[in-house]
Amino acid sequence: IHGWPRVSRVTLSQGQQMMSVHADAVIIAQDRRPMRNIE
C-alpha cells in the first residue's frame, strides 16, 4: 500500500507479475481471526 498522508495506490502481485491500482482506501475483509480481548 502506498501514499501519504492517505492511500493513493496499491500494488498487486500474481507470481512474477506486478500491477499498480489507483485507490484512496483499503478495506481488509479476509481471513477471519478470533478476537480475544479479555485480560
PDB file of all heavy atoms in Angstrom:
ATOM      1  N   ILE A   1       0.857  -1.183   0.000  1.00  0.00           N
ATOM      2  CA  ILE A   1       0.000   0.000   0.000  1.00  0.00           C
ATOM      3  C   ILE A   1       0.892   1.231   0.000  1.00  0.00           C
ATOM      4  O   ILE A   1       1.880   1.294   0.734  1.00  0.00           O
ATOM      5  CB  ILE A   1      -0.920   0.009   1.234  1.00  0.00           C
ATOM      6  CG1 ILE A   1      -1.784  -1.259   1.277  1.00  0.00           C
ATOM      7  CG2 ILE A   1      -1.810   1.253   1.251  1.00  0.00           C
ATOM      8  CD1 ILE A   1      -2.543  -1.440   2.578  1.00  0.00           C
ATOM      9  N   HIS A   2       0.514   2.238  -0.807  1.00  0.00           N
ATOM     10  CA  HIS A   2       1.367   3.417  -0.947  1.00  0.00           C
ATOM     11  C   HIS A   2       0.543   4.699  -0.857  1.00  0.00           C
ATOM     12  O   HIS A   2      -0.615   4.741  -1.276  1.00  0.00           O
ATOM     13  CB  HIS A   2       2.103   3.372  -2.299  1.00  0.00           C
ATOM     14  CG  HIS A   2       2.854   2.102  -2.512  1.00  0.00           C
ATOM     15  ND1 HIS A   2       4.102   1.876  -1.996  1.00  0.00           N
ATOM     16  CD2 HIS A   2       2.487   0.963  -3.157  1.00  0.00           C
ATOM     17  CE1 HIS A   2       4.501   0.655  -2.325  1.00  0.00           C
ATOM     18  NE2 HIS A   2       3.547   0.080  -3.037  1.00  0.00           N
ATOM     19  N   GLY A   3       1.161   5.748  -0.320  1.00  0.00           N
ATOM     20  CA  GLY A   3       0.536   7.059  -0.250  1.00  0.00           C
ATOM     21  C   GLY A   3       0.880   7.784   1.027  1.00  0.00           C
ATOM     22  O   GLY A   3       1.284   7.169   2.020  1.00  0.00           O
ATOM     23  N   TRP A   4       0.754   9.108   1.003  1.00  0.00           N
ATOM     24  CA  TRP A   4       0.968   9.926   2.193  1.00  0.00           C
ATOM     25  C   TRP A   4       0.313  11.293   1.997  1.00  0.00           C
ATOM     26  O   TRP A   4       0.502  11.906   0.962  1.00  0.00           O
ATOM     27  CB  TRP A   4       2.462  10.109   2.500  1.00  0.00           C
ATOM     28  CG  TRP A   4       2.668  10.805   3.807  1.00  0.00           C
ATOM     29  CD1 TRP A   4       2.921  12.119   4.016  1.00  0.00           C
ATOM     30  CD2 TRP A   4       2.555  10.199   5.089  1.00  0.00           C
ATOM     31  NE1 TRP A   4       2.990  12.391   5.347  1.00  0.00           N
ATOM     32  CE2 TRP A   4       2.774  11.222   6.038  1.00  0.00           C
ATOM     33  CE3 TRP A   4       2.289   8.898   5.533  1.00  0.00           C
ATOM     34  CZ2 TRP A   4       2.729  10.985   7.414  1.00  0.00           C
ATOM     35  CZ3 TRP A   4       2.260   8.677   6.881  1.00  0.00           C
ATOM     36  CH2 TRP A   4       2.480   9.701   7.816  1.00  0.00           C
ATOM     37  N   PRO A   5      -0.510  11.758   2.937  1.00  0.00           N
ATOM     38  CA  PRO A   5      -0.820  11.099   4.217  1.00  0.00           C
ATOM     39  C   PRO A   5      -1.885  10.008   4.082  1.00  0.00           C
ATOM     40  O   PRO A   5      -2.146   9.297   5.031  1.00  0.00           O
ATOM     41  CB  PRO A   5      -1.327  12.258   5.079  1.00  0.00           C
ATOM     42  CG  PRO A   5      -1.949  13.182   4.096  1.00  0.00           C
ATOM     43  CD  PRO A   5      -1.104  13.094   2.853  1.00  0.00           C
ATOM     44  N   ARG A   6      -2.467   9.899   2.875  1.00  0.00           N
ATOM     45  CA  ARG A   6      -3.542   8.936   2.673  1.00  0.00           C
ATOM     46  C   ARG A   6      -3.185   7.989   1.543  1.00  0.00           C
ATOM     47  O   ARG A   6      -2.348   8.282   0.692  1.00  0.00           O
ATOM     48  CB  ARG A   6      -4.857   9.670   2.354  1.00  0.00           C
ATOM     49  CG  ARG A   6      -6.079   8.765   2.285  1.00  0.00           C
ATOM     50  CD  ARG A   6      -7.356   9.541   2.033  1.00  0.00           C
ATOM     51  NE  ARG A   6      -8.481   8.620   1.930  1.00  0.00           N
ATOM     52  CZ  ARG A   6      -9.168   8.158   2.966  1.00  0.00           C
ATOM     53  NH1 ARG A   6      -8.846   8.572   4.179  1.00  0.00           N
ATOM     54  NH2 ARG A   6     -10.155   7.313   2.815  1.00  0.00           N
ATOM     55  N   VAL A   7      -3.831   6.829   1.522  1.00  0.00           N
ATOM     56  CA  VAL A   7      -3.646   5.857   0.445  1.00  0.00           C
ATOM     57  C   VAL A   7      -3.866   6.537  -0.910  1.00  0.00           C
ATOM     58  O   VAL A   7      -4.835   7.275  -1.102  1.00  0.00           O
ATOM     59  CB  VAL A   7      -4.641   4.692   0.597  1.00  0.00           C
ATOM     60  CG1 VAL A   7      -4.517   3.730  -0.591  1.00  0.00           C
ATOM     61  CG2 VAL A   7      -4.429   3.946   1.900  1.00  0.00           C
ATOM     62  N   SER A   8      -2.956   6.264  -1.853  1.00  0.00           N
ATOM     63  CA  SER A   8      -3.133   6.770  -3.211  1.00  0.00           C
ATOM     64  C   SER A   8      -3.099   5.653  -4.250  1.00  0.00           C
ATOM     65  O   SER A   8      -3.644   5.798  -5.347  1.00  0.00           O
ATOM     66  CB  SER A   8      -2.062   7.816  -3.542  1.00  0.00           C
ATOM     67  OG  SER A   8      -0.765   7.240  -3.474  1.00  0.00           O
ATOM     68  N   ARG A   9      -2.448   4.536  -3.913  1.00  0.00           N
ATOM     69  CA  ARG A   9      -2.413   3.400  -4.838  1.00  0.00           C
ATOM     70  C   ARG A   9      -1.998   2.144  -4.073  1.00  0.00           C
ATOM     71  O   ARG A   9      -1.453   2.225  -2.965  1.00  0.00           O
ATOM     72  CB  ARG A   9      -1.447   3.640  -5.988  1.00  0.00           C
ATOM     73  CG  ARG A   9       0.008   3.718  -5.568  1.00  0.00           C
ATOM     74  CD  ARG A   9       0.923   4.010  -6.754  1.00  0.00           C
ATOM     75  NE  ARG A   9       2.314   4.127  -6.324  1.00  0.00           N
ATOM     76  CZ  ARG A   9       3.151   3.107  -6.243  1.00  0.00           C
ATOM     77  NH1 ARG A   9       2.748   1.876  -6.581  1.00  0.00           N
ATOM     78  NH2 ARG A   9       4.405   3.271  -5.849  1.00  0.00           N
ATOM     79  N   VAL A  10      -2.258   0.996  -4.691  1.00  0.00           N
ATOM     80  CA  VAL A  10      -1.817  -0.276  -4.130  1.00  0.00           C
ATOM     81  C   VAL A  10      -1.101  -1.056  -5.224  1.00  0.00           C
ATOM     82  O   VAL A  10      -1.328  -0.836  -6.418  1.00  0.00           O
ATOM     83  CB  VAL A  10      -2.993  -1.115  -3.572  1.00  0.00           C
ATOM     84  CG1 VAL A  10      -3.716  -0.363  -2.469  1.00  0.00           C
ATOM     85  CG2 VAL A  10      -3.962  -1.505  -4.687  1.00  0.00           C
ATOM     86  N   THR A  11      -0.224  -1.947  -4.812  1.00  0.00           N
ATOM     87  CA  THR A  11       0.472  -2.827  -5.746  1.00  0.00           C
ATOM     88  C   THR A  11      -0.038  -4.243  -5.553  1.00  0.00           C
ATOM     89  O   THR A  11      -0.068  -4.765  -4.430  1.00  0.00           O
ATOM     90  CB  THR A  11       1.993  -2.789  -5.522  1.00  0.00           C
ATOM     91  OG1 THR A  11       2.464  -1.458  -5.717  1.00  0.00           O
ATOM     92  CG2 THR A  11       2.698  -3.712  -6.493  1.00  0.00           C
ATOM     93  N   LEU A  12      -0.450  -4.871  -6.654  1.00  0.00           N
ATOM     94  CA  LEU A  12      -0.924  -6.247  -6.645  1.00  0.00           C
ATOM     95  C   LEU A  12       0.140  -7.138  -7.275  1.00  0.00           C
ATOM     96  O   LEU A  12       0.901  -6.710  -8.143  1.00  0.00           O
ATOM     97  CB  LEU A  12      -2.231  -6.383  -7.418  1.00  0.00           C
ATOM     98  CG  LEU A  12      -3.368  -5.414  -7.087  1.00  0.00           C
ATOM     99  CD1 LEU A  12      -4.597  -5.753  -7.914  1.00  0.00           C
ATOM    100  CD2 LEU A  12      -3.683  -5.423  -5.615  1.00  0.00           C
ATOM    101  N   SER A  13       0.159  -8.392  -6.843  1.00  0.00           N
ATOM    102  CA  SER A  13       1.107  -9.340  -7.424  1.00  0.00           C
ATOM    103  C   SER A  13       0.414 -10.651  -7.747  1.00  0.00           C
ATOM    104  O   SER A  13      -0.536 -11.053  -7.067  1.00  0.00           O
ATOM    105  CB  SER A  13       2.283  -9.590  -6.472  1.00  0.00           C
ATOM    106  OG  SER A  13       1.843 -10.208  -5.279  1.00  0.00           O
ATOM    107  N   GLN A  14       0.908 -11.297  -8.804  1.00  0.00           N
ATOM    108  CA  GLN A  14       0.439 -12.630  -9.203  1.00  0.00           C
ATOM    109  C   GLN A  14       1.631 -13.347  -9.805  1.00  0.00           C
ATOM    110  O   GLN A  14       1.984 -13.112 -10.959  1.00  0.00           O
ATOM    111  CB  GLN A  14      -0.714 -12.534 -10.202  1.00  0.00           C
ATOM    112  CG  GLN A  14      -1.338 -13.876 -10.544  1.00  0.00           C
ATOM    113  CD  GLN A  14      -2.457 -13.732 -11.551  1.00  0.00           C
ATOM    114  OE1 GLN A  14      -2.225 -13.231 -12.646  1.00  0.00           O
ATOM    115  NE2 GLN A  14      -3.660 -14.169 -11.181  1.00  0.00           N
ATOM    116  N   GLY A  15       2.273 -14.184  -9.007  1.00  0.00           N
ATOM    117  CA  GLY A  15       3.519 -14.789  -9.452  1.00  0.00           C
ATOM    118  C   GLY A  15       4.574 -13.710  -9.633  1.00  0.00           C
ATOM    119  O   GLY A  15       4.857 -12.934  -8.725  1.00  0.00           O
ATOM    120  N   GLN A  16       5.141 -13.619 -10.838  1.00  0.00           N
ATOM    121  CA  GLN A  16       6.154 -12.614 -11.140  1.00  0.00           C
ATOM    122  C   GLN A  16       5.547 -11.317 -11.668  1.00  0.00           C
ATOM    123  O   GLN A  16       6.268 -10.344 -11.884  1.00  0.00           O
ATOM    124  CB  GLN A  16       7.138 -13.167 -12.179  1.00  0.00           C
ATOM    125  CG  GLN A  16       7.909 -14.395 -11.709  1.00  0.00           C
ATOM    126  CD  GLN A  16       8.713 -14.115 -10.449  1.00  0.00           C
ATOM    127  OE1 GLN A  16       9.426 -13.111 -10.361  1.00  0.00           O
ATOM    128  NE2 GLN A  16       8.608 -15.017  -9.468  1.00  0.00           N
ATOM    129  N   GLN A  17       4.248 -11.297 -11.865  1.00  0.00           N
ATOM    130  CA  GLN A  17       3.589 -10.106 -12.398  1.00  0.00           C
ATOM    131  C   GLN A  17       3.273  -9.119 -11.278  1.00  0.00           C
ATOM    132  O   GLN A  17       2.904  -9.512 -10.171  1.00  0.00           O
ATOM    133  CB  GLN A  17       2.277 -10.474 -13.104  1.00  0.00           C
ATOM    134  CG  GLN A  17       2.441 -11.282 -14.371  1.00  0.00           C
ATOM    135  CD  GLN A  17       1.093 -11.574 -15.008  1.00  0.00           C
ATOM    136  OE1 GLN A  17       0.328 -12.397 -14.509  1.00  0.00           O
ATOM    137  NE2 GLN A  17       0.808 -10.897 -16.102  1.00  0.00           N
ATOM    138  N   MET A  18       3.379  -7.830 -11.579  1.00  0.00           N
ATOM    139  CA  MET A  18       3.051  -6.772 -10.631  1.00  0.00           C
ATOM    140  C   MET A  18       2.123  -5.789 -11.336  1.00  0.00           C
ATOM    141  O   MET A  18       2.217  -5.561 -12.542  1.00  0.00           O
ATOM    142  CB  MET A  18       4.308  -6.047 -10.157  1.00  0.00           C
ATOM    143  CG  MET A  18       5.370  -6.955  -9.542  1.00  0.00           C
ATOM    144  SD  MET A  18       4.867  -7.701  -7.972  1.00  0.00           S
ATOM    145  CE  MET A  18       4.958  -6.292  -6.879  1.00  0.00           C
ATOM    146  N   MET A  19       1.221  -5.184 -10.579  1.00  0.00           N
ATOM    147  CA  MET A  19       0.260  -4.245 -11.128  1.00  0.00           C
ATOM    148  C   MET A  19      -0.024  -3.151 -10.110  1.00  0.00           C
ATOM    149  O   MET A  19      -0.166  -3.422  -8.914  1.00  0.00           O
ATOM    150  CB  MET A  19      -1.057  -4.965 -11.479  1.00  0.00           C
ATOM    151  CG  MET A  19      -2.148  -4.062 -12.037  1.00  0.00           C
ATOM    152  SD  MET A  19      -3.742  -4.924 -12.171  1.00  0.00           S
ATOM    153  CE  MET A  19      -3.311  -6.287 -13.226  1.00  0.00           C
ATOM    154  N   SER A  20      -0.098  -1.894 -10.570  1.00  0.00           N
ATOM    155  CA  SER A  20      -0.436  -0.774  -9.693  1.00  0.00           C
ATOM    156  C   SER A  20      -1.887  -0.391  -9.941  1.00  0.00           C
ATOM    157  O   SER A  20      -2.319  -0.264 -11.093  1.00  0.00           O
ATOM    158  CB  SER A  20       0.483   0.413  -9.981  1.00  0.00           C
ATOM    159  OG  SER A  20       0.172   1.497  -9.125  1.00  0.00           O
ATOM    160  N   VAL A  21      -2.651  -0.228  -8.869  1.00  0.00           N
ATOM    161  CA  VAL A  21      -4.078   0.105  -8.960  1.00  0.00           C
ATOM    162  C   VAL A  21      -4.354   1.359  -8.130  1.00  0.00           C
ATOM    163  O   VAL A  21      -3.939   1.444  -6.972  1.00  0.00           O
ATOM    164  CB  VAL A  21      -4.955  -1.066  -8.461  1.00  0.00           C
ATOM    165  CG1 VAL A  21      -6.437  -0.677  -8.431  1.00  0.00           C
ATOM    166  CG2 VAL A  21      -4.744  -2.305  -9.318  1.00  0.00           C
ATOM    167  N   HIS A  22      -5.052   2.313  -8.732  1.00  0.00           N
ATOM    168  CA  HIS A  22      -5.411   3.537  -8.007  1.00  0.00           C
ATOM    169  C   HIS A  22      -6.415   3.206  -6.904  1.00  0.00           C
ATOM    170  O   HIS A  22      -7.344   2.427  -7.096  1.00  0.00           O
ATOM    171  CB  HIS A  22      -6.026   4.550  -8.977  1.00  0.00           C
ATOM    172  CG  HIS A  22      -6.627   5.743  -8.287  1.00  0.00           C
ATOM    173  ND1 HIS A  22      -5.885   6.628  -7.536  1.00  0.00           N
ATOM    174  CD2 HIS A  22      -7.916   6.172  -8.219  1.00  0.00           C
ATOM    175  CE1 HIS A  22      -6.675   7.561  -7.055  1.00  0.00           C
ATOM    176  NE2 HIS A  22      -7.912   7.312  -7.450  1.00  0.00           N
ATOM    177  N   ALA A  23      -6.215   3.806  -5.729  1.00  0.00           N
ATOM    178  CA  ALA A  23      -7.120   3.602  -4.593  1.00  0.00           C
ATOM    179  C   ALA A  23      -6.940   4.748  -3.615  1.00  0.00           C
ATOM    180  O   ALA A  23      -5.842   5.303  -3.488  1.00  0.00           O
ATOM    181  CB  ALA A  23      -6.836   2.281  -3.900  1.00  0.00           C
ATOM    182  N   ASP A  24      -8.010   5.113  -2.929  1.00  0.00           N
ATOM    183  CA  ASP A  24      -7.887   6.096  -1.846  1.00  0.00           C
ATOM    184  C   ASP A  24      -8.281   5.497  -0.497  1.00  0.00           C
ATOM    185  O   ASP A  24      -8.324   6.198   0.511  1.00  0.00           O
ATOM    186  CB  ASP A  24      -8.714   7.352  -2.137  1.00  0.00           C
ATOM    187  CG  ASP A  24     -10.195   7.065  -2.335  1.00  0.00           C
ATOM    188  OD1 ASP A  24     -10.604   5.896  -2.217  1.00  0.00           O
ATOM    189  OD2 ASP A  24     -10.952   8.018  -2.611  1.00  0.00           O
ATOM    190  N   ALA A  25      -8.565   4.189  -0.473  1.00  0.00           N
ATOM    191  CA  ALA A  25      -8.848   3.470   0.770  1.00  0.00           C
ATOM    192  C   ALA A  25      -8.622   1.982   0.532  1.00  0.00           C
ATOM    193  O   ALA A  25      -8.793   1.500  -0.597  1.00  0.00           O
ATOM    194  CB  ALA A  25     -10.271   3.717   1.241  1.00  0.00           C
ATOM    195  N   VAL A  26      -8.222   1.282   1.581  1.00  0.00           N
ATOM    196  CA  VAL A  26      -8.069  -0.170   1.520  1.00  0.00           C
ATOM    197  C   VAL A  26      -8.879  -0.766   2.657  1.00  0.00           C
ATOM    198  O   VAL A  26      -8.702  -0.391   3.824  1.00  0.00           O
ATOM    199  CB  VAL A  26      -6.593  -0.595   1.646  1.00  0.00           C
ATOM    200  CG1 VAL A  26      -6.488  -2.122   1.710  1.00  0.00           C
ATOM    201  CG2 VAL A  26      -5.773  -0.053   0.489  1.00  0.00           C
ATOM    202  N   ILE A  27      -9.786  -1.676   2.314  1.00  0.00           N
ATOM    203  CA  ILE A  27     -10.646  -2.320   3.308  1.00  0.00           C
ATOM    204  C   ILE A  27     -10.270  -3.802   3.368  1.00  0.00           C
ATOM    205  O   ILE A  27     -10.418  -4.524   2.380  1.00  0.00           O
ATOM    206  CB  ILE A  27     -12.135  -2.146   2.942  1.00  0.00           C
ATOM    207  CG1 ILE A  27     -12.498  -0.655   2.903  1.00  0.00           C
ATOM    208  CG2 ILE A  27     -13.020  -2.891   3.934  1.00  0.00           C
ATOM    209  CD1 ILE A  27     -13.895  -0.375   2.383  1.00  0.00           C
ATOM    210  N   ILE A  28      -9.775  -4.224   4.528  1.00  0.00           N
ATOM    211  CA  ILE A  28      -9.328  -5.612   4.701  1.00  0.00           C
ATOM    212  C   ILE A  28     -10.495  -6.442   5.226  1.00  0.00           C
ATOM    213  O   ILE A  28     -10.989  -6.213   6.331  1.00  0.00           O
ATOM    214  CB  ILE A  28      -8.142  -5.704   5.671  1.00  0.00           C
ATOM    215  CG1 ILE A  28      -7.020  -4.743   5.265  1.00  0.00           C
ATOM    216  CG2 ILE A  28      -7.636  -7.142   5.732  1.00  0.00           C
ATOM    217  CD1 ILE A  28      -6.355  -5.077   3.959  1.00  0.00           C
ATOM    218  N   ALA A  29     -10.935  -7.416   4.432  1.00  0.00           N
ATOM    219  CA  ALA A  29     -12.073  -8.253   4.819  1.00  0.00           C
ATOM    220  C   ALA A  29     -11.767  -9.710   4.515  1.00  0.00           C
ATOM    221  O   ALA A  29     -12.584 -10.438   3.958  1.00  0.00           O
ATOM    222  CB  ALA A  29     -13.336  -7.795   4.081  1.00  0.00           C
ATOM    223  N   GLN A  30     -10.587 -10.157   4.885  1.00  0.00           N
ATOM    224  CA  GLN A  30     -10.118 -11.501   4.547  1.00  0.00           C
ATOM    225  C   GLN A  30      -9.560 -12.208   5.769  1.00  0.00           C
ATOM    226  O   GLN A  30      -9.002 -11.575   6.668  1.00  0.00           O
ATOM    227  CB  GLN A  30      -9.029 -11.406   3.476  1.00  0.00           C
ATOM    228  CG  GLN A  30      -8.477 -12.747   3.018  1.00  0.00           C
ATOM    229  CD  GLN A  30      -7.482 -12.596   1.891  1.00  0.00           C
ATOM    230  OE1 GLN A  30      -7.639 -11.745   1.028  1.00  0.00           O
ATOM    231  NE2 GLN A  30      -6.456 -13.414   1.895  1.00  0.00           N
ATOM    232  N   ASP A  31      -9.700 -13.536   5.782  1.00  0.00           N
ATOM    233  CA  ASP A  31      -9.089 -14.394   6.810  1.00  0.00           C
ATOM    234  C   ASP A  31      -9.498 -13.976   8.216  1.00  0.00           C
ATOM    235  O   ASP A  31      -8.764 -13.284   8.918  1.00  0.00           O
ATOM    236  CB  ASP A  31      -7.558 -14.378   6.705  1.00  0.00           C
ATOM    237  CG  ASP A  31      -7.068 -15.089   5.464  1.00  0.00           C
ATOM    238  OD1 ASP A  31      -7.890 -15.670   4.751  1.00  0.00           O
ATOM    239  OD2 ASP A  31      -5.850 -15.037   5.208  1.00  0.00           O
ATOM    240  N   ARG A  32     -10.663 -14.411   8.645  1.00  0.00           N
ATOM    241  CA  ARG A  32     -11.131 -14.069   9.984  1.00  0.00           C
ATOM    242  C   ARG A  32     -10.229 -14.683  11.056  1.00  0.00           C
ATOM    243  O   ARG A  32      -9.788 -15.817  10.934  1.00  0.00           O
ATOM    244  CB  ARG A  32     -12.570 -14.561  10.188  1.00  0.00           C
ATOM    245  CG  ARG A  32     -13.604 -13.784   9.378  1.00  0.00           C
ATOM    246  CD  ARG A  32     -14.998 -14.268   9.688  1.00  0.00           C
ATOM    247  NE  ARG A  32     -16.001 -13.505   8.972  1.00  0.00           N
ATOM    248  CZ  ARG A  32     -16.531 -12.362   9.410  1.00  0.00           C
ATOM    249  NH1 ARG A  32     -16.137 -11.863  10.555  1.00  0.00           N
ATOM    250  NH2 ARG A  32     -17.448 -11.738   8.706  1.00  0.00           N
ATOM    251  N   ARG A  33      -9.977 -13.894  12.097  1.00  0.00           N
ATOM    252  CA  ARG A  33      -9.170 -14.334  13.231  1.00  0.00           C
ATOM    253  C   ARG A  33      -9.974 -14.135  14.519  1.00  0.00           C
ATOM    254  O   ARG A  33     -10.749 -13.174  14.611  1.00  0.00           O
ATOM    255  CB  ARG A  33      -7.864 -13.525  13.318  1.00  0.00           C
ATOM    256  CG  ARG A  33      -7.065 -13.462  12.008  1.00  0.00           C
ATOM    257  CD  ARG A  33      -6.453 -14.799  11.645  1.00  0.00           C
ATOM    258  NE  ARG A  33      -5.821 -14.780  10.338  1.00  0.00           N
ATOM    259  CZ  ARG A  33      -4.518 -14.577  10.127  1.00  0.00           C
ATOM    260  NH1 ARG A  33      -3.704 -14.339  11.158  1.00  0.00           N
ATOM    261  NH2 ARG A  33      -4.018 -14.609   8.910  1.00  0.00           N
ATOM    262  N   PRO A  34      -9.780 -15.008  15.518  1.00  0.00           N
ATOM    263  CA  PRO A  34     -10.512 -14.833  16.779  1.00  0.00           C
ATOM    264  C   PRO A  34     -10.153 -13.521  17.464  1.00  0.00           C
ATOM    265  O   PRO A  34      -8.998 -13.085  17.440  1.00  0.00           O
ATOM    266  CB  PRO A  34     -10.051 -16.026  17.623  1.00  0.00           C
ATOM    267  CG  PRO A  34      -9.551 -17.030  16.639  1.00  0.00           C
ATOM    268  CD  PRO A  34      -8.955 -16.234  15.519  1.00  0.00           C
ATOM    269  N   MET A  35     -11.151 -12.884  18.049  1.00  0.00           N
ATOM    270  CA  MET A  35     -10.909 -11.711  18.882  1.00  0.00           C
ATOM    271  C   MET A  35     -10.833 -12.180  20.330  1.00  0.00           C
ATOM    272  O   MET A  35     -11.772 -12.775  20.841  1.00  0.00           O
ATOM    273  CB  MET A  35     -12.024 -10.670  18.721  1.00  0.00           C
ATOM    274  CG  MET A  35     -12.006  -9.971  17.389  1.00  0.00           C
ATOM    275  SD  MET A  35     -13.015  -8.476  17.342  1.00  0.00           S
ATOM    276  CE  MET A  35     -14.659  -9.162  17.551  1.00  0.00           C
ATOM    277  N   ARG A  36      -9.713 -11.919  20.977  1.00  0.00           N
ATOM    278  CA  ARG A  36      -9.506 -12.341  22.365  1.00  0.00           C
ATOM    279  C   ARG A  36      -9.081 -11.103  23.153  1.00  0.00           C
ATOM    280  O   ARG A  36      -7.910 -10.732  23.155  1.00  0.00           O
ATOM    281  CB  ARG A  36      -8.415 -13.416  22.450  1.00  0.00           C
ATOM    282  CG  ARG A  36      -8.638 -14.659  21.581  1.00  0.00           C
ATOM    283  CD  ARG A  36      -9.771 -15.515  22.074  1.00  0.00           C
ATOM    284  NE  ARG A  36      -9.521 -16.122  23.342  1.00  0.00           N
ATOM    285  CZ  ARG A  36      -9.231 -17.419  23.529  1.00  0.00           C
ATOM    286  NH1 ARG A  36      -9.141 -18.233  22.508  1.00  0.00           N
ATOM    287  NH2 ARG A  36      -9.042 -17.902  24.740  1.00  0.00           N
ATOM    288  N   ASN A  37     -10.022 -10.434  23.767  1.00  0.00           N
ATOM    289  CA  ASN A  37      -9.716  -9.157  24.423  1.00  0.00           C
ATOM    290  C   ASN A  37     -10.098  -9.150  25.904  1.00  0.00           C
ATOM    291  O   ASN A  37     -10.393  -8.094  26.465  1.00  0.00           O
ATOM    292  CB  ASN A  37     -10.409  -8.005  23.696  1.00  0.00           C
ATOM    293  CG  ASN A  37     -11.904  -8.237  23.521  1.00  0.00           C
ATOM    294  OD1 ASN A  37     -12.426  -9.252  23.964  1.00  0.00           O
ATOM    295  ND2 ASN A  37     -12.583  -7.307  22.877  1.00  0.00           N
ATOM    296  N   ILE A  38     -10.098 -10.326  26.534  1.00  0.00           N
ATOM    297  CA  ILE A  38     -10.379 -10.420  27.970  1.00  0.00           C
ATOM    298  C   ILE A  38      -9.056 -10.691  28.685  1.00  0.00           C
ATOM    299  O   ILE A  38      -8.380 -11.679  28.384  1.00  0.00           O
ATOM    300  CB  ILE A  38     -11.385 -11.543  28.272  1.00  0.00           C
ATOM    301  CG1 ILE A  38     -12.692 -11.298  27.511  1.00  0.00           C
ATOM    302  CG2 ILE A  38     -11.651 -11.645  29.773  1.00  0.00           C
ATOM    303  CD1 ILE A  38     -13.683 -12.441  27.619  1.00  0.00           C
ATOM    304  N   GLU A  39      -8.682  -9.827  29.590  1.00  0.00           N
ATOM    305  CA  GLU A  39      -7.413  -9.976  30.291  1.00  0.00           C
ATOM    306  C   GLU A  39      -7.348 -11.335  31.001  1.00  0.00           C
ATOM    307  O   GLU A  39      -8.318 -11.774  31.616  1.00  0.00           O
ATOM    308  CB  GLU A  39      -7.245  -8.847  31.317  1.00  0.00           C
ATOM    309  CG  GLU A  39      -5.890  -8.830  31.994  1.00  0.00           C
ATOM    310  CD  GLU A  39      -5.726  -7.665  32.943  1.00  0.00           C
ATOM    311  OE1 GLU A  39      -6.636  -6.797  33.006  1.00  0.00           O
ATOM    312  OE2 GLU A  39      -4.697  -7.622  33.642  1.00  0.00           O
TER     313      GLU A  39
END
